[in-house]
């Protein structure tokens, strides 16, 4: 593994290795702290959009591993004043041992990684959110013991979370169902990837059908537009019936886990009652961002 730009960068063995290392680091942290695996290492934490969990978990994780993590808002860099992306990449690659970037276009991230010359980690793009999905898989495995054969159902917008959950779930041997409105389908290349897994993947538009017998139900914010705008109102209409409610969850397995990458818009993609009922696994999922990201950093920088 040279970078972590999207879930399809990983083989099934590499995915399992990350989860195993994350389990070890989490256990060590609970017992008093992890070894300084990043001693003398520097990590650039570059953010082009707002963040709570990604920023803070990477800052804490780098510190716990003994490295130096520098947060930078790209609007405050020369890139925010028009410096070409390729120049920023070639400069930061000479200062830092690794770069984490939360940005918009996946193509920008891919270009940056080609030029930086050091490992690059996707902190979220419009296409993929691999760190979050690794945390999701870690949480499922912690609570259910195994991933292979379990049914994972994602309900919501077929954007970054759907793209990454589909690929991650299939790599882990899960049965994956993605439920979204027709006009909010996952990326075409993700659907092509999923097609190779045959009946292990289903793309549906009816939440009640997709959630049947699910072991895990995941969702994320689907009303991403500014409140009160025409796009926001359109999304509210398009996603009618796509809220995780107690009634909808009756079709899932009785002990089904509910996951949400946060922040949550209660009353839109998930009801307040369902969110609070499943808060234990949702906040375990949030905590596990820290542990899987430490694992990714440790693996990427092991021989640097």
C-alpha atoms as a PDB file:
ATOM      1  CA  UNK A   1       0.000   0.000   0.000  1.00  0.00           C
ATOM      2  CA  UNK A   2       1.581   3.234  -1.212  1.00  0.00           C
ATOM      3  CA  UNK A   3      -1.322   5.617  -0.572  1.00  0.00           C
ATOM      4  CA  UNK A   4      -4.905   5.423   0.676  1.00  0.00           C
ATOM      5  CA  UNK A   5      -6.928   7.387  -1.860  1.00  0.00           C
ATOM      6  CA  UNK A   6      -9.957   5.100  -2.193  1.00  0.00           C
ATOM      7  CA  UNK A   7     -11.067   1.698  -0.928  1.00  0.00           C
ATOM      8  CA  UNK A   8     -10.240  -0.034  -4.207  1.00  0.00           C
ATOM      9  CA  UNK A   9      -6.570   0.803  -3.561  1.00  0.00           C
ATOM     10  CA  UNK A  10      -6.688  -2.049  -1.038  1.00  0.00           C
ATOM     11  CA  UNK A  11      -6.632  -5.788  -1.502  1.00  0.00           C
ATOM     12  CA  UNK A  12      -8.735  -7.916   0.866  1.00  0.00           C
ATOM     13  CA  UNK A  13      -5.525  -8.897   2.687  1.00  0.00           C
ATOM     14  CA  UNK A  14      -4.435  -5.266   3.086  1.00  0.00           C
ATOM     15  CA  UNK A  15      -7.859  -4.304   4.413  1.00  0.00           C
ATOM     16  CA  UNK A  16      -7.740  -7.094   6.993  1.00  0.00           C
ATOM     17  CA  UNK A  17      -4.193  -6.104   7.974  1.00  0.00           C
ATOM     18  CA  UNK A  18      -5.272  -2.517   8.639  1.00  0.00           C
ATOM     19  CA  UNK A  19      -8.138  -3.715  10.835  1.00  0.00           C
ATOM     20  CA  UNK A  20      -5.854  -6.110  12.732  1.00  0.00           C
ATOM     21  CA  UNK A  21      -3.305  -3.352  13.395  1.00  0.00           C
ATOM     22  CA  UNK A  22      -6.099  -0.986  14.429  1.00  0.00           C
ATOM     23  CA  UNK A  23      -7.362  -3.558  16.944  1.00  0.00           C
ATOM     24  CA  UNK A  24      -3.855  -3.880  18.382  1.00  0.00           C
ATOM     25  CA  UNK A  25      -3.305  -0.123  18.619  1.00  0.00           C
ATOM     26  CA  UNK A  26      -6.692   0.401  20.240  1.00  0.00           C
ATOM     27  CA  UNK A  27      -5.978  -2.251  22.853  1.00  0.00           C
ATOM     28  CA  UNK A  28      -2.551  -0.746  23.550  1.00  0.00           C
ATOM     29  CA  UNK A  29      -3.997   2.747  23.879  1.00  0.00           C
ATOM     30  CA  UNK A  30      -6.559   1.533  26.407  1.00  0.00           C
ATOM     31  CA  UNK A  31      -3.721  -0.023  28.423  1.00  0.00           C
ATOM     32  CA  UNK A  32      -1.717   3.180  28.607  1.00  0.00           C
ATOM     33  CA  UNK A  33      -0.521   4.241  25.194  1.00  0.00           C
ATOM     34  CA  UNK A  34       0.895   3.141  21.879  1.00  0.00           C
ATOM     35  CA  UNK A  35       4.543   2.931  20.931  1.00  0.00           C
ATOM     36  CA  UNK A  36       6.050   6.014  19.217  1.00  0.00           C
ATOM     37  CA  UNK A  37       5.835   4.446  15.768  1.00  0.00           C
ATOM     38  CA  UNK A  38       5.958   7.884  14.108  1.00  0.00           C
ATOM     39  CA  UNK A  39       8.825   9.288  16.161  1.00  0.00           C
ATOM     40  CA  UNK A  40      10.626  11.859  14.024  1.00  0.00           C
ATOM     41  CA  UNK A  41       7.895  11.752  11.358  1.00  0.00           C
ATOM     42  CA  UNK A  42       5.876  14.734  10.140  1.00  0.00           C
ATOM     43  CA  UNK A  43       2.337  14.619   8.768  1.00  0.00           C
ATOM     44  CA  UNK A  44       0.661  17.483   6.897  1.00  0.00           C
ATOM     45  CA  UNK A  45      -3.059  17.706   7.674  1.00  0.00           C
ATOM     46  CA  UNK A  46      -4.425  19.755   4.783  1.00  0.00           C
ATOM     47  CA  UNK A  47      -8.107  20.679   4.807  1.00  0.00           C
ATOM     48  CA  UNK A  48     -10.068  22.388   2.043  1.00  0.00           C
ATOM     49  CA  UNK A  49     -13.383  22.018   3.882  1.00  0.00           C
ATOM     50  CA  UNK A  50     -14.700  21.881   7.423  1.00  0.00           C
ATOM     51  CA  UNK A  51     -14.046  18.870   9.620  1.00  0.00           C
ATOM     52  CA  UNK A  52     -14.572  17.668  13.176  1.00  0.00           C
ATOM     53  CA  UNK A  53     -13.757  13.953  13.362  1.00  0.00           C
ATOM     54  CA  UNK A  54     -11.223  13.714  10.537  1.00  0.00           C
ATOM     55  CA  UNK A  55      -9.166  16.666  11.694  1.00  0.00           C
ATOM     56  CA  UNK A  56      -9.177  15.917  15.411  1.00  0.00           C
ATOM     57  CA  UNK A  57      -8.703  12.154  15.105  1.00  0.00           C
ATOM     58  CA  UNK A  58      -5.691  12.605  12.840  1.00  0.00           C
ATOM     59  CA  UNK A  59      -4.208  15.276  15.121  1.00  0.00           C
ATOM     60  CA  UNK A  60      -4.623  13.071  18.188  1.00  0.00           C
ATOM     61  CA  UNK A  61      -3.496   9.936  16.349  1.00  0.00           C
ATOM     62  CA  UNK A  62      -0.249  11.460  15.076  1.00  0.00           C
ATOM     63  CA  UNK A  63       0.478  12.774  18.573  1.00  0.00           C
ATOM     64  CA  UNK A  64      -0.214   9.406  20.206  1.00  0.00           C
ATOM     65  CA  UNK A  65       2.194   7.760  17.755  1.00  0.00           C
ATOM     66  CA  UNK A  66       4.927  10.257  18.586  1.00  0.00           C
ATOM     67  CA  UNK A  67       4.881  12.260  15.356  1.00  0.00           C
ATOM     68  CA  UNK A  68       4.244  15.899  14.481  1.00  0.00           C
ATOM     69  CA  UNK A  69       0.959  16.706  12.746  1.00  0.00           C
ATOM     70  CA  UNK A  70       0.511  20.164  11.244  1.00  0.00           C
ATOM     71  CA  UNK A  71      -3.015  21.348  10.453  1.00  0.00           C
ATOM     72  CA  UNK A  72      -3.349  23.725   7.529  1.00  0.00           C
ATOM     73  CA  UNK A  73      -6.380  25.343   5.927  1.00  0.00           C
ATOM     74  CA  UNK A  74      -5.739  25.406   2.183  1.00  0.00           C
ATOM     75  CA  UNK A  75      -7.431  28.812   1.947  1.00  0.00           C
ATOM     76  CA  UNK A  76      -4.548  30.175   4.039  1.00  0.00           C
ATOM     77  CA  UNK A  77      -1.872  28.598   1.830  1.00  0.00           C
ATOM     78  CA  UNK A  78      -0.570  30.020  -1.426  1.00  0.00           C
ATOM     79  CA  UNK A  79      -2.807  27.451  -3.112  1.00  0.00           C
ATOM     80  CA  UNK A  80      -5.696  29.602  -1.927  1.00  0.00           C
ATOM     81  CA  UNK A  81      -4.214  32.473  -3.943  1.00  0.00           C
ATOM     82  CA  UNK A  82      -3.758  30.529  -7.135  1.00  0.00           C
ATOM     83  CA  UNK A  83      -0.508  28.588  -6.745  1.00  0.00           C
ATOM     84  CA  UNK A  84      -0.800  25.455  -8.911  1.00  0.00           C
ATOM     85  CA  UNK A  85      -1.678  22.258  -7.107  1.00  0.00           C
ATOM     86  CA  UNK A  86       1.366  20.526  -8.541  1.00  0.00           C
ATOM     87  CA  UNK A  87       3.670  23.093  -6.919  1.00  0.00           C
ATOM     88  CA  UNK A  88       2.043  22.683  -3.509  1.00  0.00           C
ATOM     89  CA  UNK A  89       2.382  18.904  -3.802  1.00  0.00           C
ATOM     90  CA  UNK A  90       6.068  19.040  -4.701  1.00  0.00           C
ATOM     91  CA  UNK A  91       6.836  21.421  -1.839  1.00  0.00           C
ATOM     92  CA  UNK A  92       4.918  19.602   0.903  1.00  0.00           C
ATOM     93  CA  UNK A  93       6.375  16.290  -0.247  1.00  0.00           C
ATOM     94  CA  UNK A  94       9.840  17.653   0.574  1.00  0.00           C
ATOM     95  CA  UNK A  95       8.858  18.806   4.064  1.00  0.00           C
ATOM     96  CA  UNK A  96       6.546  16.034   5.244  1.00  0.00           C
ATOM     97  CA  UNK A  97       6.619  12.257   5.445  1.00  0.00           C
ATOM     98  CA  UNK A  98       2.881  11.955   4.730  1.00  0.00           C
ATOM     99  CA  UNK A  99       0.000  14.200   3.667  1.00  0.00           C
ATOM    100  CA  UNK A 100      -3.658  13.868   4.657  1.00  0.00           C
ATOM    101  CA  UNK A 101      -5.944  15.945   2.437  1.00  0.00           C
ATOM    102  CA  UNK A 102      -9.664  16.599   2.771  1.00  0.00           C
ATOM    103  CA  UNK A 103     -10.831  18.172  -0.462  1.00  0.00           C
ATOM    104  CA  UNK A 104     -13.539  18.109  -3.104  1.00  0.00           C
ATOM    105  CA  UNK A 105     -12.423  16.507  -6.352  1.00  0.00           C
ATOM    106  CA  UNK A 106     -10.913  13.031  -6.325  1.00  0.00           C
ATOM    107  CA  UNK A 107      -8.950  13.940  -9.450  1.00  0.00           C
ATOM    108  CA  UNK A 108      -7.132  16.693  -7.504  1.00  0.00           C
ATOM    109  CA  UNK A 109      -6.210  14.207  -4.785  1.00  0.00           C
ATOM    110  CA  UNK A 110      -4.949  11.692  -7.341  1.00  0.00           C
ATOM    111  CA  UNK A 111      -2.829  14.363  -9.046  1.00  0.00           C
ATOM    112  CA  UNK A 112      -1.421  15.507  -5.703  1.00  0.00           C
ATOM    113  CA  UNK A 113      -0.449  11.934  -4.790  1.00  0.00           C
ATOM    114  CA  UNK A 114       1.365  11.433  -8.088  1.00  0.00           C
ATOM    115  CA  UNK A 115       3.555  14.470  -7.486  1.00  0.00           C
ATOM    116  CA  UNK A 116       4.081  14.581  -3.718  1.00  0.00           C
ATOM    117  CA  UNK A 117       6.483  11.650  -3.560  1.00  0.00           C
ATOM    118  CA  UNK A 118       5.247  10.679  -0.071  1.00  0.00           C
ATOM    119  CA  UNK A 119       2.188   8.682   1.072  1.00  0.00           C
ATOM    120  CA  UNK A 120      -1.101  10.550   0.703  1.00  0.00           C
ATOM    121  CA  UNK A 121      -4.294   9.730   2.630  1.00  0.00           C
ATOM    122  CA  UNK A 122      -7.801  10.717   1.564  1.00  0.00           C
ATOM    123  CA  UNK A 123      -9.465  12.623   4.405  1.00  0.00           C
ATOM    124  CA  UNK A 124     -12.703  12.791   2.317  1.00  0.00           C
ATOM    125  CA  UNK A 125     -13.482  13.740  -1.245  1.00  0.00           C
ATOM    126  CA  UNK A 126     -16.779  13.962  -3.072  1.00  0.00           C
ATOM    127  CA  UNK A 127     -15.997  10.475  -4.406  1.00  0.00           C
ATOM    128  CA  UNK A 128     -14.593   8.509  -1.459  1.00  0.00           C
ATOM    129  CA  UNK A 129     -14.233   8.364   2.317  1.00  0.00           C
ATOM    130  CA  UNK A 130     -11.957   5.362   2.954  1.00  0.00           C
ATOM    131  CA  UNK A 131     -10.936   6.239   6.522  1.00  0.00           C
ATOM    132  CA  UNK A 132     -14.563   6.355   7.609  1.00  0.00           C
ATOM    133  CA  UNK A 133     -15.382   3.027   5.999  1.00  0.00           C
ATOM    134  CA  UNK A 134     -12.385   1.364   7.639  1.00  0.00           C
ATOM    135  CA  UNK A 135     -13.769   2.593  10.973  1.00  0.00           C
ATOM    136  CA  UNK A 136     -17.187   1.215  10.055  1.00  0.00           C
ATOM    137  CA  UNK A 137     -15.754  -2.202   9.245  1.00  0.00           C
ATOM    138  CA  UNK A 138     -13.694  -2.176  12.436  1.00  0.00           C
ATOM    139  CA  UNK A 139     -16.839  -1.426  14.454  1.00  0.00           C
ATOM    140  CA  UNK A 140     -18.840  -4.197  12.807  1.00  0.00           C
ATOM    141  CA  UNK A 141     -16.056  -6.701  13.378  1.00  0.00           C
ATOM    142  CA  UNK A 142     -15.683  -5.659  17.032  1.00  0.00           C
ATOM    143  CA  UNK A 143     -19.378  -6.122  17.708  1.00  0.00           C
ATOM    144  CA  UNK A 144     -20.132  -9.134  15.521  1.00  0.00           C
ATOM    145  CA  UNK A 145     -16.777 -10.946  15.364  1.00  0.00           C
ATOM    146  CA  UNK A 146     -16.716 -11.455  11.611  1.00  0.00           C
ATOM    147  CA  UNK A 147     -17.479  -9.512   8.438  1.00  0.00           C
ATOM    148  CA  UNK A 148     -17.702 -12.222   5.787  1.00  0.00           C
ATOM    149  CA  UNK A 149     -21.239 -13.212   4.885  1.00  0.00           C
ATOM    150  CA  UNK A 150     -22.966 -10.470   6.865  1.00  0.00           C
ATOM    151  CA  UNK A 151     -25.486  -8.265   5.099  1.00  0.00           C
ATOM    152  CA  UNK A 152     -24.643  -4.561   4.987  1.00  0.00           C
ATOM    153  CA  UNK A 153     -27.339  -2.197   3.776  1.00  0.00           C
ATOM    154  CA  UNK A 154     -26.589   1.449   2.994  1.00  0.00           C
ATOM    155  CA  UNK A 155     -29.574   3.788   2.633  1.00  0.00           C
ATOM    156  CA  UNK A 156     -29.045   7.308   1.308  1.00  0.00           C
ATOM    157  CA  UNK A 157     -27.202   9.316  -1.310  1.00  0.00           C
ATOM    158  CA  UNK A 158     -24.970   7.300  -3.635  1.00  0.00           C
ATOM    159  CA  UNK A 159     -21.986   9.579  -3.095  1.00  0.00           C
ATOM    160  CA  UNK A 160     -18.706   9.199  -1.175  1.00  0.00           C
ATOM    161  CA  UNK A 161     -19.975   7.035   1.686  1.00  0.00           C
ATOM    162  CA  UNK A 162     -21.950   4.738  -0.597  1.00  0.00           C
ATOM    163  CA  UNK A 163     -19.030   4.410  -3.018  1.00  0.00           C
ATOM    164  CA  UNK A 164     -16.630   3.464  -0.244  1.00  0.00           C
ATOM    165  CA  UNK A 165     -18.984   1.191   1.709  1.00  0.00           C
ATOM    166  CA  UNK A 166     -19.823  -0.785  -1.422  1.00  0.00           C
ATOM    167  CA  UNK A 167     -16.179  -1.438  -2.225  1.00  0.00           C
ATOM    168  CA  UNK A 168     -15.076  -1.951   1.387  1.00  0.00           C
ATOM    169  CA  UNK A 169     -17.942  -4.279   2.215  1.00  0.00           C
ATOM    170  CA  UNK A 170     -17.375  -6.431  -0.858  1.00  0.00           C
ATOM    171  CA  UNK A 171     -13.613  -6.613  -0.240  1.00  0.00           C
ATOM    172  CA  UNK A 172     -14.428  -7.818   3.290  1.00  0.00           C
ATOM    173  CA  UNK A 173     -16.671 -10.596   1.980  1.00  0.00           C
ATOM    174  CA  UNK A 174     -19.965  -9.002   2.982  1.00  0.00           C
ATOM    175  CA  UNK A 175     -23.287  -9.021   1.161  1.00  0.00           C
ATOM    176  CA  UNK A 176     -23.853  -5.372   0.240  1.00  0.00           C
ATOM    177  CA  UNK A 177     -27.093  -3.632  -0.693  1.00  0.00           C
ATOM    178  CA  UNK A 178     -27.146   0.035  -1.649  1.00  0.00           C
ATOM    179  CA  UNK A 179     -30.529   1.781  -1.588  1.00  0.00           C
ATOM    180  CA  UNK A 180     -30.795   5.219  -3.141  1.00  0.00           C
ATOM    181  CA  UNK A 181     -33.143   7.215  -5.375  1.00  0.00           C
ATOM    182  CA  UNK A 182     -32.650   6.619  -9.087  1.00  0.00           C
ATOM    183  CA  UNK A 183     -31.029  10.024  -9.648  1.00  0.00           C
ATOM    184  CA  UNK A 184     -28.555   9.597  -6.775  1.00  0.00           C
ATOM    185  CA  UNK A 185     -26.813   6.385  -7.825  1.00  0.00           C
ATOM    186  CA  UNK A 186     -23.206   5.523  -6.867  1.00  0.00           C
ATOM    187  CA  UNK A 187     -20.321   6.232  -9.257  1.00  0.00           C
ATOM    188  CA  UNK A 188     -20.277   4.193 -12.477  1.00  0.00           C
ATOM    189  CA  UNK A 189     -16.829   2.708 -11.803  1.00  0.00           C
ATOM    190  CA  UNK A 190     -17.970   1.583  -8.345  1.00  0.00           C
ATOM    191  CA  UNK A 191     -20.961  -0.189  -9.877  1.00  0.00           C
ATOM    192  CA  UNK A 192     -18.624  -1.839 -12.390  1.00  0.00           C
ATOM    193  CA  UNK A 193     -16.418  -2.994  -9.501  1.00  0.00           C
ATOM    194  CA  UNK A 194     -19.462  -4.343  -7.655  1.00  0.00           C
ATOM    195  CA  UNK A 195     -20.706  -6.152 -10.761  1.00  0.00           C
ATOM    196  CA  UNK A 196     -17.720  -8.506 -10.482  1.00  0.00           C
ATOM    197  CA  UNK A 197     -19.135  -9.763  -7.179  1.00  0.00           C
ATOM    198  CA  UNK A 198     -22.382 -10.992  -8.733  1.00  0.00           C
ATOM    199  CA  UNK A 199     -25.196 -11.673  -6.286  1.00  0.00           C
ATOM    200  CA  UNK A 200     -23.173 -10.316  -3.356  1.00  0.00           C
ATOM    201  CA  UNK A 201     -24.250  -6.811  -4.434  1.00  0.00           C
ATOM    202  CA  UNK A 202     -27.665  -5.283  -5.019  1.00  0.00           C
ATOM    203  CA  UNK A 203     -28.610  -1.745  -6.041  1.00  0.00           C
ATOM    204  CA  UNK A 204     -32.198  -0.908  -5.105  1.00  0.00           C
ATOM    205  CA  UNK A 205     -34.455   2.126  -4.787  1.00  0.00           C
ATOM    206  CA  UNK A 206     -36.865   0.774  -2.154  1.00  0.00           C
ATOM    207  CA  UNK A 207     -35.552   1.073   1.435  1.00  0.00           C
ATOM    208  CA  UNK A 208     -38.095  -1.434   2.770  1.00  0.00           C
ATOM    209  CA  UNK A 209     -36.855  -4.063   0.321  1.00  0.00           C
ATOM    210  CA  UNK A 210     -33.162  -3.331   0.779  1.00  0.00           C
ATOM    211  CA  UNK A 211     -33.169  -3.436   4.564  1.00  0.00           C
ATOM    212  CA  UNK A 212     -34.703  -6.924   4.831  1.00  0.00           C
ATOM    213  CA  UNK A 213     -32.643  -9.184   7.117  1.00  0.00           C
ATOM    214  CA  UNK A 214     -29.750  -6.707   7.264  1.00  0.00           C
ATOM    215  CA  UNK A 215     -27.101  -7.267   9.915  1.00  0.00           C
ATOM    216  CA  UNK A 216     -25.882  -3.684   9.575  1.00  0.00           C
ATOM    217  CA  UNK A 217     -27.715  -0.598   8.342  1.00  0.00           C
ATOM    218  CA  UNK A 218     -25.670   2.484   7.503  1.00  0.00           C
ATOM    219  CA  UNK A 219     -26.688   5.952   6.436  1.00  0.00           C
ATOM    220  CA  UNK A 220     -25.228   9.432   6.088  1.00  0.00           C
ATOM    221  CA  UNK A 221     -26.462  12.951   5.479  1.00  0.00           C
ATOM    222  CA  UNK A 222     -28.336  13.156   2.198  1.00  0.00           C
ATOM    223  CA  UNK A 223     -29.531  16.765   2.413  1.00  0.00           C
ATOM    224  CA  UNK A 224     -26.119  18.324   1.834  1.00  0.00           C
ATOM    225  CA  UNK A 225     -27.457  21.543   0.292  1.00  0.00           C
ATOM    226  CA  UNK A 226     -27.784  24.832   2.157  1.00  0.00           C
ATOM    227  CA  UNK A 227     -31.110  24.890   4.064  1.00  0.00           C
ATOM    228  CA  UNK A 228     -33.862  26.837   2.352  1.00  0.00           C
ATOM    229  CA  UNK A 229     -32.340  26.597  -1.135  1.00  0.00           C
ATOM    230  CA  UNK A 230     -34.066  25.058  -4.117  1.00  0.00           C
ATOM    231  CA  UNK A 231     -31.603  22.144  -4.081  1.00  0.00           C
ATOM    232  CA  UNK A 232     -32.308  21.478  -0.414  1.00  0.00           C
ATOM    233  CA  UNK A 233     -36.053  21.445  -0.997  1.00  0.00           C
ATOM    234  CA  UNK A 234     -35.592  19.149  -3.989  1.00  0.00           C
ATOM    235  CA  UNK A 235     -33.533  16.713  -1.941  1.00  0.00           C
ATOM    236  CA  UNK A 236     -36.155  16.663   0.800  1.00  0.00           C
ATOM    237  CA  UNK A 237     -38.699  15.610  -1.833  1.00  0.00           C
ATOM    238  CA  UNK A 238     -36.406  13.106  -3.546  1.00  0.00           C
ATOM    239  CA  UNK A 239     -35.502  11.336  -0.313  1.00  0.00           C
ATOM    240  CA  UNK A 240     -38.997  10.886   1.106  1.00  0.00           C
ATOM    241  CA  UNK A 241     -39.054   7.403   2.668  1.00  0.00           C
ATOM    242  CA  UNK A 242     -35.271   7.260   3.085  1.00  0.00           C
ATOM    243  CA  UNK A 243     -35.243   8.079   6.792  1.00  0.00           C
ATOM    244  CA  UNK A 244     -34.087   5.358   9.195  1.00  0.00           C
ATOM    245  CA  UNK A 245     -37.065   5.008  11.508  1.00  0.00           C
ATOM    246  CA  UNK A 246     -38.040   2.364  14.013  1.00  0.00           C
ATOM    247  CA  UNK A 247     -40.729   1.173  11.602  1.00  0.00           C
ATOM    248  CA  UNK A 248     -38.286   0.761   8.704  1.00  0.00           C
ATOM    249  CA  UNK A 249     -35.771  -1.075  10.895  1.00  0.00           C
ATOM    250  CA  UNK A 250     -38.349  -3.708  11.816  1.00  0.00           C
ATOM    251  CA  UNK A 251     -37.469  -5.483   8.572  1.00  0.00           C
ATOM    252  CA  UNK A 252     -33.782  -5.730   9.515  1.00  0.00           C
ATOM    253  CA  UNK A 253     -32.489  -8.373  11.896  1.00  0.00           C
ATOM    254  CA  UNK A 254     -33.600  -7.734  15.492  1.00  0.00           C
ATOM    255  CA  UNK A 255     -30.035  -7.094  16.633  1.00  0.00           C
ATOM    256  CA  UNK A 256     -29.020  -5.064  13.561  1.00  0.00           C
ATOM    257  CA  UNK A 257     -26.338  -2.438  14.044  1.00  0.00           C
ATOM    258  CA  UNK A 258     -27.015   1.102  12.857  1.00  0.00           C
ATOM    259  CA  UNK A 259     -24.048   3.174  11.730  1.00  0.00           C
ATOM    260  CA  UNK A 260     -23.807   6.863  10.843  1.00  0.00           C
ATOM    261  CA  UNK A 261     -20.597   8.641   9.835  1.00  0.00           C
ATOM    262  CA  UNK A 262     -21.750  11.927  11.454  1.00  0.00           C
ATOM    263  CA  UNK A 263     -22.710  14.708  11.581  1.00  0.00           C
ATOM    264  CA  UNK A 264     -26.336  13.537  11.733  1.00  0.00           C
ATOM    265  CA  UNK A 265     -29.354  15.513  10.576  1.00  0.00           C
ATOM    266  CA  UNK A 266     -31.931  14.081  12.965  1.00  0.00           C
ATOM    267  CA  UNK A 267     -35.354  14.070  11.393  1.00  0.00           C
ATOM    268  CA  UNK A 268     -33.939  13.755   7.876  1.00  0.00           C
ATOM    269  CA  UNK A 269     -31.807  10.662   7.166  1.00  0.00           C
ATOM    270  CA  UNK A 270     -32.354   9.234  10.663  1.00  0.00           C
ATOM    271  CA  UNK A 271     -34.961   9.749  13.362  1.00  0.00           C
ATOM    272  CA  UNK A 272     -33.903  11.059  16.754  1.00  0.00           C
ATOM    273  CA  UNK A 273     -35.227   7.911  18.428  1.00  0.00           C
ATOM    274  CA  UNK A 274     -33.230   5.550  16.206  1.00  0.00           C
ATOM    275  CA  UNK A 275     -30.102   7.660  16.552  1.00  0.00           C
ATOM    276  CA  UNK A 276     -30.225   7.623  20.352  1.00  0.00           C
ATOM    277  CA  UNK A 277     -31.111   3.935  20.485  1.00  0.00           C
ATOM    278  CA  UNK A 278     -28.010   3.123  18.438  1.00  0.00           C
ATOM    279  CA  UNK A 279     -25.739   5.827  19.840  1.00  0.00           C
ATOM    280  CA  UNK A 280     -23.398   3.248  21.463  1.00  0.00           C
ATOM    281  CA  UNK A 281     -22.308   1.779  18.125  1.00  0.00           C
ATOM    282  CA  UNK A 282     -22.408   5.143  16.341  1.00  0.00           C
ATOM    283  CA  UNK A 283     -19.960   6.680  18.793  1.00  0.00           C
ATOM    284  CA  UNK A 284     -17.805   3.540  18.862  1.00  0.00           C
ATOM    285  CA  UNK A 285     -17.676   4.026  15.099  1.00  0.00           C
ATOM    286  CA  UNK A 286     -16.597   7.648  15.588  1.00  0.00           C
ATOM    287  CA  UNK A 287     -13.897   6.629  18.081  1.00  0.00           C
ATOM    288  CA  UNK A 288     -12.596   3.975  15.733  1.00  0.00           C
ATOM    289  CA  UNK A 289     -11.674   6.677  13.216  1.00  0.00           C
ATOM    290  CA  UNK A 290      -8.740   7.374  15.548  1.00  0.00           C
ATOM    291  CA  UNK A 291      -7.562   3.777  15.674  1.00  0.00           C
ATOM    292  CA  UNK A 292      -7.853   2.877  11.987  1.00  0.00           C
ATOM    293  CA  UNK A 293      -6.115   6.095  10.969  1.00  0.00           C
ATOM    294  CA  UNK A 294      -3.262   5.350  13.356  1.00  0.00           C
ATOM    295  CA  UNK A 295      -3.032   1.926  11.728  1.00  0.00           C
ATOM    296  CA  UNK A 296      -2.953   3.410   8.222  1.00  0.00           C
ATOM    297  CA  UNK A 297      -0.254   5.895   9.238  1.00  0.00           C
ATOM    298  CA  UNK A 298       1.841   3.219  10.936  1.00  0.00           C
ATOM    299  CA  UNK A 299       1.615   0.896   7.925  1.00  0.00           C
ATOM    300  CA  UNK A 300       2.311   3.576   5.311  1.00  0.00           C
ATOM    301  CA  UNK A 301       5.278   4.977   7.206  1.00  0.00           C
ATOM    302  CA  UNK A 302       6.696   1.711   8.548  1.00  0.00           C
ATOM    303  CA  UNK A 303       9.633   1.689   6.146  1.00  0.00           C
ATOM    304  CA  UNK A 304       9.965   5.394   5.369  1.00  0.00           C
END
